[in-house]
Each structure stands twice: as structure tokens, then as C-alpha cells.
Amino acid sequence: MITQASSNTYIAVDIGGTNTRLGLFESLDSTDFVVLAKFPTVQNYEEQIRQIVAAIQTAVEKTLRG
């Protein structure tokens, strides 16, 4: 679990044809990030969103900036 998320922490979500990836960025100007999750992309929209939300809730306990 990421417990040191600052008030300027951002999540990036990459939904690809094969895999979905989530990363945590401290700045929109930085290329440095922490990998939060990587899992297979599913074709069912609701299931895909559920998996993304669950991954974010599991990995980050503080409020995100964006």
C-alpha cells in the first residue's frame, strides 16, 4: 500500500488491448512513477472499471490530486 501519497499525487491509467496498467506520479512534469498494478484487460466495461477502482483503492490510502 502506498501511504506517502502527497496532495499532488496523480494516477495514470493505460488501458491497452492486452493489459491495463496503473502508475502513480508525484508530478505531471515527471516521468518517474511507481507501478500500482498491471492486469489483463477485460472486454466487459463494468468489470474493467471495477478492477481499476479496486486496484487504486488497494494501493493508495490517501486522496489523489487527479
PDB file of N, CA and C in Angstrom:
ATOM      1  N   MET A   1       0.847  -1.175   0.000  1.00  0.00           N
ATOM      2  CA  MET A   1       0.000   0.000   0.000  1.00  0.00           C
ATOM      3  C   MET A   1       0.893   1.238   0.000  1.00  0.00           C
ATOM      4  N   ILE A   2       0.539   2.236  -0.782  1.00  0.00           N
ATOM      5  CA  ILE A   2       1.274   3.491  -0.841  1.00  0.00           C
ATOM      6  C   ILE A   2       0.693   4.399   0.232  1.00  0.00           C
ATOM      7  N   THR A   3       1.483   4.752   1.224  1.00  0.00           N
ATOM      8  CA  THR A   3       0.966   5.584   2.300  1.00  0.00           C
ATOM      9  C   THR A   3       1.554   6.985   2.281  1.00  0.00           C
ATOM     10  N   GLN A   4       2.504   7.246   1.389  1.00  0.00           N
ATOM     11  CA  GLN A   4       3.171   8.536   1.368  1.00  0.00           C
ATOM     12  C   GLN A   4       2.700   9.402   0.206  1.00  0.00           C
ATOM     13  N   ALA A   5       1.518   9.188  -0.288  1.00  0.00           N
ATOM     14  CA  ALA A   5       0.992   9.990  -1.391  1.00  0.00           C
ATOM     15  C   ALA A   5       0.799  11.425  -0.921  1.00  0.00           C
ATOM     16  N   SER A   6       1.392  12.358  -1.649  1.00  0.00           N
ATOM     17  CA  SER A   6       1.248  13.764  -1.283  1.00  0.00           C
ATOM     18  C   SER A   6      -0.046  14.312  -1.870  1.00  0.00           C
ATOM     19  N   SER A   7      -0.322  15.577  -1.579  1.00  0.00           N
ATOM     20  CA  SER A   7      -1.544  16.188  -2.098  1.00  0.00           C
ATOM     21  C   SER A   7      -1.479  16.417  -3.601  1.00  0.00           C
ATOM     22  N   ASN A   8      -0.299  16.254  -4.188  1.00  0.00           N
ATOM     23  CA  ASN A   8      -0.135  16.410  -5.636  1.00  0.00           C
ATOM     24  C   ASN A   8       0.190  15.083  -6.299  1.00  0.00           C
ATOM     25  N   THR A   9      -0.458  14.038  -5.893  1.00  0.00           N
ATOM     26  CA  THR A   9      -0.224  12.723  -6.470  1.00  0.00           C
ATOM     27  C   THR A   9      -1.265  12.437  -7.541  1.00  0.00           C
ATOM     28  N   TYR A  10      -0.797  11.889  -8.644  1.00  0.00           N
ATOM     29  CA  TYR A  10      -1.664  11.617  -9.789  1.00  0.00           C
ATOM     30  C   TYR A  10      -1.595  10.145 -10.163  1.00  0.00           C
ATOM     31  N   ILE A  11      -2.703   9.626 -10.672  1.00  0.00           N
ATOM     32  CA  ILE A  11      -2.785   8.257 -11.170  1.00  0.00           C
ATOM     33  C   ILE A  11      -2.855   8.309 -12.685  1.00  0.00           C
ATOM     34  N   ALA A  12      -2.091   7.451 -13.334  1.00  0.00           N
ATOM     35  CA  ALA A  12      -2.186   7.278 -14.785  1.00  0.00           C
ATOM     36  C   ALA A  12      -2.743   5.884 -15.038  1.00  0.00           C
ATOM     37  N   VAL A  13      -3.699   5.785 -15.952  1.00  0.00           N
ATOM     38  CA  VAL A  13      -4.302   4.507 -16.306  1.00  0.00           C
ATOM     39  C   VAL A  13      -4.105   4.294 -17.803  1.00  0.00           C
ATOM     40  N   ASP A  14      -3.485   3.179 -18.155  1.00  0.00           N
ATOM     41  CA  ASP A  14      -3.254   2.810 -19.548  1.00  0.00           C
ATOM     42  C   ASP A  14      -4.058   1.547 -19.826  1.00  0.00           C
ATOM     43  N   ILE A  15      -5.163   1.694 -20.550  1.00  0.00           N
ATOM     44  CA  ILE A  15      -5.990   0.541 -20.904  1.00  0.00           C
ATOM     45  C   ILE A  15      -5.596   0.114 -22.307  1.00  0.00           C
ATOM     46  N   GLY A  16      -4.861  -0.961 -22.380  1.00  0.00           N
ATOM     47  CA  GLY A  16      -4.406  -1.478 -23.660  1.00  0.00           C
ATOM     48  C   GLY A  16      -5.258  -2.650 -24.107  1.00  0.00           C
ATOM     49  N   GLY A  17      -4.999  -3.128 -25.281  1.00  0.00           N
ATOM     50  CA  GLY A  17      -5.750  -4.257 -25.820  1.00  0.00           C
ATOM     51  C   GLY A  17      -5.483  -5.554 -25.079  1.00  0.00           C
ATOM     52  N   THR A  18      -4.300  -5.666 -24.471  1.00  0.00           N
ATOM     53  CA  THR A  18      -3.917  -6.883 -23.755  1.00  0.00           C
ATOM     54  C   THR A  18      -3.879  -6.678 -22.251  1.00  0.00           C
ATOM     55  N   ASN A  19      -3.241  -5.582 -21.809  1.00  0.00           N
ATOM     56  CA  ASN A  19      -3.069  -5.327 -20.378  1.00  0.00           C
ATOM     57  C   ASN A  19      -3.511  -3.919 -20.007  1.00  0.00           C
ATOM     58  N   THR A  20      -3.915  -3.775 -18.756  1.00  0.00           N
ATOM     59  CA  THR A  20      -4.205  -2.470 -18.162  1.00  0.00           C
ATOM     60  C   THR A  20      -3.131  -2.218 -17.126  1.00  0.00           C
ATOM     61  N   ARG A  21      -2.576  -1.002 -17.133  1.00  0.00           N
ATOM     62  CA  ARG A  21      -1.514  -0.638 -16.201  1.00  0.00           C
ATOM     63  C   ARG A  21      -1.903   0.634 -15.458  1.00  0.00           C
ATOM     64  N   LEU A  22      -1.554   0.700 -14.175  1.00  0.00           N
ATOM     65  CA  LEU A  22      -1.784   1.890 -13.365  1.00  0.00           C
ATOM     66  C   LEU A  22      -0.461   2.329 -12.767  1.00  0.00           C
ATOM     67  N   GLY A  23      -0.221   3.647 -12.801  1.00  0.00           N
ATOM     68  CA  GLY A  23       1.003   4.195 -12.241  1.00  0.00           C
ATOM     69  C   GLY A  23       0.699   5.408 -11.383  1.00  0.00           C
ATOM     70  N   LEU A  24       1.557   5.667 -10.415  1.00  0.00           N
ATOM     71  CA  LEU A  24       1.418   6.790  -9.501  1.00  0.00           C
ATOM     72  C   LEU A  24       2.531   7.791  -9.783  1.00  0.00           C
ATOM     73  N   PHE A  25       2.157   9.045 -10.074  1.00  0.00           N
ATOM     74  CA  PHE A  25       3.100  10.114 -10.382  1.00  0.00           C
ATOM     75  C   PHE A  25       3.013  11.188  -9.312  1.00  0.00           C
ATOM     76  N   GLU A  26       4.153  11.712  -8.885  1.00  0.00           N
ATOM     77  CA  GLU A  26       4.186  12.805  -7.915  1.00  0.00           C
ATOM     78  C   GLU A  26       4.005  14.153  -8.596  1.00  0.00           C
ATOM     79  N   SER A  27       4.193  14.214  -9.910  1.00  0.00           N
ATOM     80  CA  SER A  27       4.095  15.469 -10.646  1.00  0.00           C
ATOM     81  C   SER A  27       3.680  15.170 -12.080  1.00  0.00           C
ATOM     82  N   LEU A  28       2.950  16.081 -12.679  1.00  0.00           N
ATOM     83  CA  LEU A  28       2.595  15.928 -14.086  1.00  0.00           C
ATOM     84  C   LEU A  28       3.790  16.211 -14.994  1.00  0.00           C
ATOM     85  N   ASP A  29       4.841  16.799 -14.446  1.00  0.00           N
ATOM     86  CA  ASP A  29       6.042  17.123 -15.212  1.00  0.00           C
ATOM     87  C   ASP A  29       7.094  16.030 -15.146  1.00  0.00           C
ATOM     88  N   SER A  30       6.882  15.019 -14.343  1.00  0.00           N
ATOM     89  CA  SER A  30       7.874  13.978 -14.111  1.00  0.00           C
ATOM     90  C   SER A  30       7.570  12.721 -14.913  1.00  0.00           C
ATOM     91  N   THR A  31       8.627  12.041 -15.325  1.00  0.00           N
ATOM     92  CA  THR A  31       8.453  10.742 -15.976  1.00  0.00           C
ATOM     93  C   THR A  31       8.659   9.605 -14.981  1.00  0.00           C
ATOM     94  N   ASP A  32       9.017   9.934 -13.748  1.00  0.00           N
ATOM     95  CA  ASP A  32       9.209   8.935 -12.701  1.00  0.00           C
ATOM     96  C   ASP A  32       7.859   8.551 -12.109  1.00  0.00           C
ATOM     97  N   PHE A  33       7.639   7.249 -11.943  1.00  0.00           N
ATOM     98  CA  PHE A  33       6.375   6.785 -11.389  1.00  0.00           C
ATOM     99  C   PHE A  33       6.568   5.473 -10.651  1.00  0.00           C
ATOM    100  N   VAL A  34       5.586   5.133  -9.841  1.00  0.00           N
ATOM    101  CA  VAL A  34       5.529   3.863  -9.132  1.00  0.00           C
ATOM    102  C   VAL A  34       4.430   3.040  -9.786  1.00  0.00           C
ATOM    103  N   VAL A  35       4.744   1.815 -10.166  1.00  0.00           N
ATOM    104  CA  VAL A  35       3.740   0.928 -10.754  1.00  0.00           C
ATOM    105  C   VAL A  35       2.791   0.488  -9.646  1.00  0.00           C
ATOM    106  N   LEU A  36       1.502   0.736  -9.850  1.00  0.00           N
ATOM    107  CA  LEU A  36       0.497   0.322  -8.866  1.00  0.00           C
ATOM    108  C   LEU A  36      -0.082  -1.042  -9.191  1.00  0.00           C
ATOM    109  N   ALA A  37      -0.350  -1.273 -10.469  1.00  0.00           N
ATOM    110  CA  ALA A  37      -0.982  -2.536 -10.849  1.00  0.00           C
ATOM    111  C   ALA A  37      -0.811  -2.789 -12.334  1.00  0.00           C
ATOM    112  N   LYS A  38      -0.853  -4.055 -12.684  1.00  0.00           N
ATOM    113  CA  LYS A  38      -0.892  -4.480 -14.082  1.00  0.00           C
ATOM    114  C   LYS A  38      -1.734  -5.750 -14.108  1.00  0.00           C
ATOM    115  N   PHE A  39      -2.755  -5.752 -14.964  1.00  0.00           N
ATOM    116  CA  PHE A  39      -3.620  -6.918 -15.062  1.00  0.00           C
ATOM    117  C   PHE A  39      -4.197  -6.996 -16.478  1.00  0.00           C
ATOM    118  N   PRO A  40      -4.665  -8.172 -16.888  1.00  0.00           N
ATOM    119  CA  PRO A  40      -5.225  -8.319 -18.234  1.00  0.00           C
ATOM    120  C   PRO A  40      -6.453  -7.432 -18.436  1.00  0.00           C
ATOM    121  N   THR A  41      -6.538  -6.815 -19.596  1.00  0.00           N
ATOM    122  CA  THR A  41      -7.710  -6.025 -19.961  1.00  0.00           C
ATOM    123  C   THR A  41      -8.866  -6.971 -20.255  1.00  0.00           C
ATOM    124  N   VAL A  42     -10.022  -6.665 -19.684  1.00  0.00           N
ATOM    125  CA  VAL A  42     -11.218  -7.469 -19.943  1.00  0.00           C
ATOM    126  C   VAL A  42     -12.141  -6.704 -20.881  1.00  0.00           C
ATOM    127  N   GLN A  43     -12.949  -7.406 -21.627  1.00  0.00           N
ATOM    128  CA  GLN A  43     -13.827  -6.785 -22.616  1.00  0.00           C
ATOM    129  C   GLN A  43     -15.094  -6.194 -22.023  1.00  0.00           C
ATOM    130  N   ASN A  44     -15.455  -6.632 -20.820  1.00  0.00           N
ATOM    131  CA  ASN A  44     -16.653  -6.123 -20.167  1.00  0.00           C
ATOM    132  C   ASN A  44     -16.327  -4.796 -19.473  1.00  0.00           C
ATOM    133  N   TYR A  45     -16.970  -3.711 -19.908  1.00  0.00           N
ATOM    134  CA  TYR A  45     -16.677  -2.363 -19.408  1.00  0.00           C
ATOM    135  C   TYR A  45     -16.817  -2.265 -17.890  1.00  0.00           C
ATOM    136  N   GLU A  46     -17.927  -2.734 -17.348  1.00  0.00           N
ATOM    137  CA  GLU A  46     -18.172  -2.621 -15.914  1.00  0.00           C
ATOM    138  C   GLU A  46     -17.120  -3.387 -15.117  1.00  0.00           C
ATOM    139  N   GLU A  47     -16.754  -4.562 -15.580  1.00  0.00           N
ATOM    140  CA  GLU A  47     -15.739  -5.364 -14.892  1.00  0.00           C
ATOM    141  C   GLU A  47     -14.374  -4.674 -14.960  1.00  0.00           C
ATOM    142  N   GLN A  48     -14.059  -4.092 -16.103  1.00  0.00           N
ATOM    143  CA  GLN A  48     -12.785  -3.381 -16.252  1.00  0.00           C
ATOM    144  C   GLN A  48     -12.703  -2.205 -15.277  1.00  0.00           C
ATOM    145  N   ILE A  49     -13.762  -1.401 -15.199  1.00  0.00           N
ATOM    146  CA  ILE A  49     -13.789  -0.268 -14.278  1.00  0.00           C
ATOM    147  C   ILE A  49     -13.702  -0.752 -12.834  1.00  0.00           C
ATOM    148  N   ARG A  50     -14.400  -1.824 -12.497  1.00  0.00           N
ATOM    149  CA  ARG A  50     -14.348  -2.384 -11.148  1.00  0.00           C
ATOM    150  C   ARG A  50     -12.920  -2.775 -10.785  1.00  0.00           C
ATOM    151  N   GLN A  51     -12.211  -3.406 -11.706  1.00  0.00           N
ATOM    152  CA  GLN A  51     -10.829  -3.819 -11.445  1.00  0.00           C
ATOM    153  C   GLN A  51      -9.906  -2.609 -11.259  1.00  0.00           C
ATOM    154  N   ILE A  52     -10.108  -1.569 -12.052  1.00  0.00           N
ATOM    155  CA  ILE A  52      -9.289  -0.353 -11.932  1.00  0.00           C
ATOM    156  C   ILE A  52      -9.527   0.304 -10.574  1.00  0.00           C
ATOM    157  N   VAL A  53     -10.786   0.476 -10.202  1.00  0.00           N
ATOM    158  CA  VAL A  53     -11.122   1.107  -8.918  1.00  0.00           C
ATOM    159  C   VAL A  53     -10.573   0.279  -7.759  1.00  0.00           C
ATOM    160  N   ALA A  54     -10.722  -1.024  -7.830  1.00  0.00           N
ATOM    161  CA  ALA A  54     -10.225  -1.894  -6.757  1.00  0.00           C
ATOM    162  C   ALA A  54      -8.710  -1.801  -6.632  1.00  0.00           C
ATOM    163  N   ALA A  55      -8.006  -1.743  -7.740  1.00  0.00           N
ATOM    164  CA  ALA A  55      -6.544  -1.630  -7.709  1.00  0.00           C
ATOM    165  C   ALA A  55      -6.114  -0.317  -7.079  1.00  0.00           C
ATOM    166  N   ILE A  56      -6.803   0.765  -7.406  1.00  0.00           N
ATOM    167  CA  ILE A  56      -6.471   2.079  -6.832  1.00  0.00           C
ATOM    168  C   ILE A  56      -6.769   2.093  -5.342  1.00  0.00           C
ATOM    169  N   GLN A  57      -7.921   1.581  -4.942  1.00  0.00           N
ATOM    170  CA  GLN A  57      -8.286   1.577  -3.529  1.00  0.00           C
ATOM    171  C   GLN A  57      -7.345   0.708  -2.703  1.00  0.00           C
ATOM    172  N   THR A  58      -6.860  -0.367  -3.273  1.00  0.00           N
ATOM    173  CA  THR A  58      -5.942  -1.258  -2.574  1.00  0.00           C
ATOM    174  C   THR A  58      -4.562  -0.629  -2.423  1.00  0.00           C
ATOM    175  N   ALA A  59      -4.115   0.104  -3.436  1.00  0.00           N
ATOM    176  CA  ALA A  59      -2.744   0.609  -3.464  1.00  0.00           C
ATOM    177  C   ALA A  59      -2.574   1.970  -2.800  1.00  0.00           C
ATOM    178  N   VAL A  60      -3.584   2.791  -2.780  1.00  0.00           N
ATOM    179  CA  VAL A  60      -3.432   4.167  -2.300  1.00  0.00           C
ATOM    180  C   VAL A  60      -4.470   4.444  -1.212  1.00  0.00           C
ATOM    181  N   GLU A  61      -4.014   4.890  -0.059  1.00  0.00           N
ATOM    182  CA  GLU A  61      -4.974   5.174   1.014  1.00  0.00           C
ATOM    183  C   GLU A  61      -5.214   6.669   1.217  1.00  0.00           C
ATOM    184  N   LYS A  62      -4.498   7.516   0.520  1.00  0.00           N
ATOM    185  CA  LYS A  62      -4.703   8.957   0.646  1.00  0.00           C
ATOM    186  C   LYS A  62      -5.407   9.494  -0.587  1.00  0.00           C
ATOM    187  N   THR A  63      -5.917  10.696  -0.478  1.00  0.00           N
ATOM    188  CA  THR A  63      -6.621  11.348  -1.576  1.00  0.00           C
ATOM    189  C   THR A  63      -5.655  11.692  -2.697  1.00  0.00           C
ATOM    190  N   LEU A  64      -6.072  11.429  -3.913  1.00  0.00           N
ATOM    191  CA  LEU A  64      -5.262  11.742  -5.087  1.00  0.00           C
ATOM    192  C   LEU A  64      -5.637  13.108  -5.637  1.00  0.00           C
ATOM    193  N   ARG A  65      -4.706  13.746  -6.301  1.00  0.00           N
ATOM    194  CA  ARG A  65      -4.944  15.055  -6.903  1.00  0.00           C
ATOM    195  C   ARG A  65      -5.698  14.899  -8.228  1.00  0.00           C
ATOM    196  N   GLY A  66      -5.380  13.888  -8.965  1.00  0.00           N
ATOM    197  CA  GLY A  66      -6.038  13.715 -10.263  1.00  0.00           C
ATOM    198  C   GLY A  66      -5.688  12.407 -10.903  1.00  0.00           C
TER     199      GLY A  66
END
